[in-house]
Protein backbone atom coordinates (compact mmCIF):
# COMPACT_ATOMS: atom_id res chain seq x y z
CA MET A 1 -14.95 39.43 4.16
CA LYS A 2 -13.58 38.04 0.92
CA LYS A 3 -15.71 37.75 -2.18
CA PRO A 4 -17.43 34.33 -2.44
CA SER A 5 -15.33 31.97 -4.55
CA THR A 6 -15.55 28.40 -5.80
CA VAL A 7 -12.79 25.84 -5.45
CA LEU A 8 -12.69 22.67 -7.52
CA VAL A 9 -11.23 19.91 -5.32
CA THR A 10 -10.34 16.75 -7.23
CA GLY A 11 -10.25 13.41 -5.45
CA GLY A 12 -11.94 14.83 -2.38
CA CYS A 13 -13.33 11.45 -1.28
CA GLY A 14 -9.86 10.00 -0.84
CA PHE A 15 -7.79 10.00 2.31
CA ILE A 16 -6.23 13.46 2.32
CA GLY A 17 -9.01 15.18 0.39
CA SER A 18 -11.71 13.94 2.76
CA ASN A 19 -9.80 15.35 5.70
CA PHE A 20 -9.13 18.62 3.87
CA ILE A 21 -12.66 19.48 2.71
CA PRO A 22 -14.36 19.59 6.16
CA TYR A 23 -11.39 21.53 7.55
CA PHE A 24 -11.52 24.02 4.67
CA LEU A 25 -15.29 24.54 4.72
CA ASP A 26 -15.26 25.05 8.47
CA LYS A 27 -12.44 27.58 8.35
CA TYR A 28 -13.52 29.66 5.35
CA PRO A 29 -17.16 30.80 5.06
CA PHE A 30 -16.61 32.46 1.67
CA TYR A 31 -15.61 29.34 -0.29
CA THR A 32 -17.86 26.86 -2.04
CA VAL A 33 -16.20 23.49 -2.65
CA VAL A 34 -17.01 21.43 -5.74
CA ASN A 35 -15.66 17.91 -5.25
CA LEU A 36 -14.98 15.87 -8.40
CA ASP A 37 -14.14 12.25 -7.63
CA LEU A 38 -14.32 9.11 -9.74
CA LEU A 39 -15.03 7.01 -6.63
CA THR A 40 -12.52 4.30 -7.38
CA TYR A 41 -11.83 1.55 -4.86
CA ALA A 42 -9.77 3.94 -2.67
CA ALA A 43 -12.47 6.62 -2.36
CA ASN A 44 -15.53 6.61 -0.15
CA GLN A 45 -18.32 9.19 0.06
CA GLU A 46 -18.86 8.15 3.68
CA ASN A 47 -15.53 9.81 4.39
CA LEU A 48 -17.36 13.10 3.88
CA LYS A 49 -20.64 12.34 5.62
CA GLU A 50 -20.14 15.39 7.86
CA VAL A 51 -20.50 17.72 4.84
CA HIS A 52 -23.03 15.86 2.69
CA ASN A 53 -25.71 18.46 3.44
CA HIS A 54 -23.41 21.44 3.74
CA PRO A 55 -24.80 24.45 1.81
CA ARG A 56 -21.39 25.22 0.29
CA TYR A 57 -20.50 21.71 -0.80
CA ARG A 58 -21.25 20.02 -4.13
CA PHE A 59 -20.25 16.54 -5.22
CA PHE A 60 -19.88 15.20 -8.74
CA GLN A 61 -18.80 11.70 -9.66
CA GLY A 62 -16.54 11.67 -12.68
CA ASP A 63 -13.09 11.30 -14.18
CA ILE A 64 -10.65 14.21 -14.31
CA GLN A 65 -9.65 12.88 -17.74
CA ASP A 66 -13.17 13.70 -18.98
CA VAL A 67 -12.48 17.12 -20.48
CA SER A 68 -16.16 17.77 -21.28
CA LEU A 69 -17.15 17.16 -17.67
CA VAL A 70 -14.36 19.34 -16.29
CA LYS A 71 -15.30 22.13 -18.73
CA SER A 72 -18.94 21.92 -17.65
CA LEU A 73 -17.97 22.34 -13.99
CA PHE A 74 -15.75 25.33 -14.80
CA GLU A 75 -18.65 26.89 -16.73
CA LYS A 76 -21.40 26.12 -14.23
CA PHE A 77 -19.51 27.20 -11.11
CA GLN A 78 -17.09 29.74 -12.58
CA ILE A 79 -14.22 27.87 -10.98
CA GLN A 80 -11.52 30.25 -9.76
CA TYR A 81 -9.33 27.77 -7.89
CA VAL A 82 -8.26 24.14 -8.23
CA ILE A 83 -6.80 22.00 -5.44
CA HIS A 84 -5.77 18.80 -7.17
CA PHE A 85 -5.60 15.71 -4.95
CA ALA A 86 -6.90 13.10 -7.40
CA ALA A 87 -4.30 10.40 -8.01
CA GLU A 88 -3.68 6.70 -8.08
CA SER A 89 -1.27 6.34 -5.18
CA HIS A 90 -0.54 2.74 -4.15
CA VAL A 91 2.98 1.72 -5.20
CA ASP A 92 2.27 -2.02 -5.22
CA ARG A 93 -0.64 -1.55 -7.60
CA SER A 94 1.51 0.58 -9.91
CA ILE A 95 4.07 -2.23 -10.06
CA ASP A 96 1.37 -4.75 -11.00
CA ASP A 97 -0.24 -2.48 -13.63
CA SER A 98 0.79 1.12 -14.24
CA SER A 99 -1.84 2.02 -16.86
CA SER A 100 -4.30 3.70 -14.49
CA PHE A 101 -1.44 5.67 -12.93
CA ILE A 102 -0.42 7.03 -16.31
CA GLY A 103 -4.06 7.83 -17.08
CA THR A 104 -5.09 9.58 -13.87
CA ASN A 105 -1.82 11.06 -12.65
CA ILE A 106 -0.45 12.28 -15.98
CA ASN A 107 -3.32 12.55 -18.47
CA GLY A 108 -5.80 13.65 -15.81
CA THR A 109 -3.51 16.40 -14.54
CA HIS A 110 -2.93 17.57 -18.10
CA ALA A 111 -6.69 17.69 -18.78
CA LEU A 112 -7.28 19.86 -15.70
CA LEU A 113 -4.45 22.21 -16.64
CA GLU A 114 -5.73 22.61 -20.18
CA VAL A 115 -9.25 23.48 -19.06
CA ALA A 116 -7.93 25.91 -16.44
CA ARG A 117 -5.63 27.54 -19.01
CA ARG A 118 -8.44 28.08 -21.50
CA PHE A 119 -10.84 29.49 -18.89
CA TRP A 120 -8.43 31.64 -16.91
CA LEU A 121 -6.08 33.01 -19.58
CA GLN A 122 -6.93 35.12 -22.59
CA ALA A 123 -3.34 34.76 -23.82
CA PRO A 124 -0.07 33.49 -22.30
CA PHE A 125 0.65 35.46 -19.11
CA GLN A 126 -2.63 37.40 -19.46
CA LEU A 127 -5.35 36.48 -16.99
CA ARG A 128 -8.95 37.23 -17.81
CA THR A 129 -10.40 40.03 -15.68
CA GLN A 130 -12.66 37.76 -13.63
CA TYR A 131 -9.81 35.32 -12.89
CA THR A 132 -7.03 37.59 -11.67
CA SER A 133 -6.75 35.76 -8.35
CA CYS A 134 -7.03 32.21 -9.71
CA ARG A 135 -4.67 29.48 -8.60
CA PHE A 136 -3.97 25.82 -9.45
CA HIS A 137 -2.57 23.90 -6.46
CA HIS A 138 -1.10 20.51 -7.31
CA ILE A 139 -0.64 18.01 -4.45
CA SER A 140 2.37 15.75 -4.92
CA THR A 141 4.66 13.45 -2.97
CA ASP A 142 8.23 13.20 -1.73
CA GLU A 143 8.53 9.91 -3.63
CA VAL A 144 9.32 11.85 -6.82
CA PHE A 145 12.82 12.45 -5.40
CA GLY A 146 13.65 8.77 -5.12
CA SER A 147 15.56 7.29 -2.22
CA LEU A 148 17.90 8.80 0.35
CA GLY A 149 20.87 7.20 2.07
CA PRO A 150 21.23 7.15 5.84
CA GLU A 151 21.77 10.93 5.98
CA GLY A 152 20.44 14.03 4.27
CA TYR A 153 17.00 15.42 3.42
CA PHE A 154 14.87 16.20 0.43
CA THR A 155 14.53 19.92 -0.33
CA GLU A 156 12.76 21.89 -3.04
CA ASN A 157 16.02 21.73 -5.01
CA SER A 158 16.43 17.96 -4.87
CA PRO A 159 16.62 16.29 -8.31
CA TYR A 160 13.75 14.10 -9.41
CA LYS A 161 14.72 10.41 -9.37
CA PRO A 162 11.51 8.34 -9.19
CA ASN A 163 12.03 4.61 -8.77
CA ASN A 164 8.59 3.08 -9.41
CA PRO A 165 5.72 3.72 -11.84
CA TYR A 166 3.65 5.56 -9.21
CA SER A 167 6.38 8.04 -8.31
CA ALA A 168 7.33 8.41 -11.98
CA SER A 169 3.75 9.33 -12.85
CA LYS A 170 3.66 11.92 -10.06
CA ALA A 171 7.03 13.32 -11.13
CA SER A 172 5.69 13.64 -14.68
CA ALA A 173 2.62 15.46 -13.40
CA ASP A 174 4.77 17.86 -11.35
CA MET A 175 6.80 18.71 -14.43
CA ILE A 176 3.73 19.29 -16.57
CA VAL A 177 2.27 21.59 -13.91
CA ARG A 178 5.53 23.53 -13.74
CA SER A 179 5.65 23.83 -17.53
CA TYR A 180 2.23 25.51 -17.56
CA TYR A 181 3.62 28.21 -15.31
CA LYS A 182 6.77 28.69 -17.37
CA THR A 183 5.09 28.50 -20.79
CA TYR A 184 1.69 30.08 -20.20
CA GLY A 185 1.95 31.91 -16.89
CA LEU A 186 -0.76 29.73 -15.35
CA PRO A 187 -0.74 30.52 -11.59
CA ILE A 188 0.41 27.28 -9.98
CA ILE A 189 1.68 26.00 -6.65
CA ILE A 190 3.12 22.52 -6.04
CA THR A 191 3.40 20.89 -2.63
CA ASN A 192 5.24 17.61 -2.04
CA CYS A 193 4.37 15.86 1.20
CA SER A 194 5.85 13.00 3.19
CA ASN A 195 3.88 9.89 4.25
CA ASN A 196 0.53 10.93 5.68
CA TYR A 197 -1.24 9.07 8.47
CA GLY A 198 -4.55 9.62 10.21
CA PRO A 199 -8.26 8.78 9.96
CA LYS A 200 -9.96 7.81 6.69
CA GLN A 201 -6.99 6.16 4.99
CA HIS A 202 -7.74 3.17 2.78
CA ASP A 203 -7.32 -0.25 4.38
CA GLU A 204 -4.54 -1.33 2.01
CA LYS A 205 -2.06 1.22 3.40
CA LEU A 206 0.54 0.36 6.02
CA ILE A 207 -1.02 1.63 9.25
CA PRO A 208 -4.54 0.25 8.67
CA THR A 209 -2.98 -3.04 7.56
CA ILE A 210 -0.98 -3.30 10.76
CA ILE A 211 -4.03 -2.58 12.93
CA ARG A 212 -6.36 -4.90 11.03
CA HIS A 213 -3.95 -7.84 10.94
CA TYR A 214 -3.08 -7.45 14.59
CA LEU A 215 -6.71 -7.44 15.65
CA ASP A 216 -7.47 -10.39 13.38
CA ARG A 217 -4.53 -12.30 14.91
CA LYS A 218 -2.98 -12.55 11.46
CA PRO A 219 0.74 -12.10 10.80
CA ILE A 220 1.59 -8.52 9.88
CA PRO A 221 3.41 -8.56 6.51
CA ILE A 222 6.52 -6.37 6.45
CA TYR A 223 8.75 -5.99 3.41
CA GLY A 224 12.40 -7.03 3.67
CA ALA A 225 13.84 -6.53 7.14
CA GLY A 226 11.46 -3.68 8.01
CA ASN A 227 14.25 -1.11 7.87
CA ASN A 228 12.76 1.20 5.24
CA ILE A 229 12.37 4.68 6.72
CA ARG A 230 9.56 7.15 6.11
CA ASP A 231 8.86 10.64 7.43
CA TRP A 232 5.35 10.55 8.92
CA LEU A 233 3.03 13.57 8.73
CA TYR A 234 -0.34 13.76 10.48
CA VAL A 235 -3.00 14.40 7.86
CA ILE A 236 -4.54 17.48 9.52
CA ASP A 237 -1.11 19.08 9.75
CA HIS A 238 -0.79 18.42 6.03
CA CYS A 239 -4.22 20.00 5.42
CA LYS A 240 -3.08 23.11 7.27
CA GLY A 241 0.08 23.19 5.20
CA ILE A 242 -1.92 22.97 1.97
CA ASP A 243 -4.14 25.80 3.23
CA VAL A 244 -1.14 28.05 3.93
CA ALA A 245 0.62 27.26 0.65
CA PHE A 246 -2.61 27.71 -1.33
CA HIS A 247 -3.25 31.15 0.14
CA LYS A 248 0.25 32.49 0.71
CA GLY A 249 2.65 30.48 -1.42
CA GLN A 250 4.60 32.21 -4.17
CA LEU A 251 3.30 31.38 -7.62
CA GLY A 252 5.49 29.03 -9.60
CA HIS A 253 7.10 27.65 -6.44
CA SER A 254 7.07 24.23 -4.85
CA TYR A 255 6.97 23.62 -1.11
CA LEU A 256 7.86 20.48 0.84
CA ILE A 257 5.58 19.54 3.74
CA GLY A 258 6.98 17.02 6.21
CA GLY A 259 6.43 15.88 9.77
CA ARG A 260 10.03 15.46 10.96
CA ASN A 261 9.01 12.01 12.24
CA GLU A 262 11.35 9.42 10.72
CA LYS A 263 10.39 5.85 11.59
CA THR A 264 11.33 2.47 10.20
CA ASN A 265 8.46 0.19 9.22
CA LEU A 266 9.45 -2.07 12.09
CA GLU A 267 9.22 0.83 14.54
CA MET A 268 5.75 1.59 13.18
CA VAL A 269 4.59 -1.96 13.88
CA ARG A 270 5.92 -1.88 17.43
CA SER A 271 4.37 1.51 18.22
CA ILE A 272 0.97 0.71 16.74
CA CYS A 273 0.57 -2.74 18.29
CA ARG A 274 1.57 -1.53 21.74
CA LEU A 275 -0.89 1.35 21.52
CA VAL A 276 -3.64 -1.05 20.42
CA ASP A 277 -2.78 -3.16 23.46
CA SER A 278 -3.24 -0.10 25.67
CA PHE A 279 -6.84 0.29 24.48
CA ASP A 280 -7.85 -3.28 25.35
CA PRO A 281 -9.06 -3.46 28.96
CA GLU A 282 -9.31 -7.26 28.75
CA LYS A 283 -5.64 -7.59 27.75
CA ARG A 284 -6.42 -10.12 25.05
CA PHE A 285 -3.34 -9.16 23.06
CA SER A 286 0.29 -8.81 23.95
CA PHE A 287 2.58 -7.83 21.12
CA GLN A 288 5.40 -10.28 20.45
CA GLU A 289 7.61 -9.44 17.51
CA SER A 290 8.46 -13.04 16.68
CA THR A 291 4.78 -14.04 16.70
CA HIS A 292 3.05 -11.10 15.08
CA ILE A 293 5.41 -10.01 12.28
CA GLN A 294 5.95 -11.89 9.03
CA PHE A 295 8.82 -10.62 6.92
CA VAL A 296 8.04 -10.99 3.21
CA PRO A 297 10.22 -10.56 0.11
CA ASP A 298 10.93 -6.92 -0.62
CA ARG A 299 9.04 -5.28 -3.45
CA PRO A 300 10.90 -4.16 -6.60
CA GLY A 301 12.32 -0.64 -6.49
CA HIS A 302 11.57 -0.21 -2.78
CA ASP A 303 13.00 3.14 -1.69
CA THR A 304 15.16 2.93 1.42
CA ARG A 305 14.52 6.25 3.11
CA TYR A 306 12.49 9.45 2.71
CA SER A 307 13.04 12.54 4.82
CA ILE A 308 11.86 16.09 4.22
CA ASP A 309 13.45 19.39 5.12
CA ALA A 310 10.38 21.62 5.56
CA SER A 311 12.41 24.77 6.26
CA LYS A 312 10.94 26.70 3.34
CA MET A 313 7.40 26.15 4.62
CA GLU A 314 8.47 26.98 8.15
CA LYS A 315 10.42 30.13 7.32
CA ASP A 316 8.53 31.59 4.36
CA LEU A 317 4.95 30.60 5.25
CA LEU A 318 5.25 30.18 9.03
CA TRP A 319 3.81 26.67 8.93
CA ARG A 320 5.00 23.91 11.22
CA SER A 321 3.81 20.40 11.93
CA GLU A 322 1.94 20.69 15.24
CA THR A 323 0.84 17.16 16.11
CA SER A 324 3.25 14.95 18.03
CA PHE A 325 3.71 11.50 16.52
CA GLU A 326 2.24 9.73 19.55
CA LYS A 327 -0.80 12.02 19.70
CA GLY A 328 -1.47 11.60 15.99
CA LEU A 329 -1.02 7.85 16.16
CA MET A 330 -3.38 7.59 19.13
CA ALA A 331 -6.08 9.51 17.22
CA THR A 332 -5.53 7.32 14.17
CA ILE A 333 -5.79 4.06 16.11
CA LYS A 334 -8.95 5.24 17.90
CA TRP A 335 -10.57 5.96 14.54
CA TYR A 336 -9.76 2.50 13.17
CA LEU A 337 -10.89 0.71 16.32
CA GLN A 338 -14.23 2.46 15.90
CA LYS A 339 -14.33 1.63 12.19
CA TYR A 340 -13.69 -2.05 12.82
CA SER A 341 -16.73 -2.11 15.08
CA LYS A 342 -16.58 -5.85 15.79
CA TRP A 343 -13.85 -4.89 18.23
CA SER A 344 -16.12 -2.41 19.99
CA SER A 345 -15.05 -3.82 23.35
CA PHE A 346 -11.75 -2.03 22.80
CA HIS A 347 -12.86 1.05 24.64
CA GLY A 348 -10.06 2.53 26.71
CA GLU A 349 -10.75 6.24 26.17
CA LEU A 350 -12.25 6.00 22.66
């Protein structure tokens, strides 16, 4: 049995964090999780209703840029580990107004690093006795690498070429995290993931938007010609990858976590709508591309293709994406059909 330890999870009420915390608490009986979340529009405490009364879970509402608050949590709980999810993440919003992205993603990450450095290190490259096993795990995105052509993959050695304010803010955060390892010896890990999908994602994202518009009999808006390609990763597979990298990753390293599921946005619409159809016993819907899809002007700086080579995770840490795309998509659609309860007559095998 390991010694009881406390992990500060930032942004734990968001999509990935709210899937990670229940998984982590269930798997590890020796960790207490302190969740710090500002509860912006994209976060929801109901996402964590299964752990609200958990004896090893604590929630605090607040901003990671609030250094005094972060210090108080480090002092009160003797924080030994940080898993940093908190981020503004919607590209369209960053194009409209990037200020909150600069604040949370860059300044917030810096504030967390500074507090961790001052608590964990007595001097550069010298950990305090009680923090010899500490670790700062920064969760990032493949979007920092920019856009790929029709061939090739992102790897840990790919150059950073962000093309929108969101990805630029995450790239900046990655570099600041790395600098704290190189300059101070702060024990850090960075993971960059591909597009996640699964339960608890905010309604503005692509998959919930497709489901909601289809059920509402509204045209599904798709940028450009729908040919942009993303590598889709089921969120629980990502949580397992974070777990492995957090515990076994080499300090100072970055790891790419991907699903090896490349799909165009148009393919996503087709797959989702046809699966929704399969859940409707009354056959009220029948997907017709010409009727249900509305192509809209492309957004500025829209990356053409993302694809991750997860070989380092697979070979060094023995992690592999386990969930087939169809199985993950089925689970995701079931969750949203239950969420949008006015369509409760969609039962199938819910």
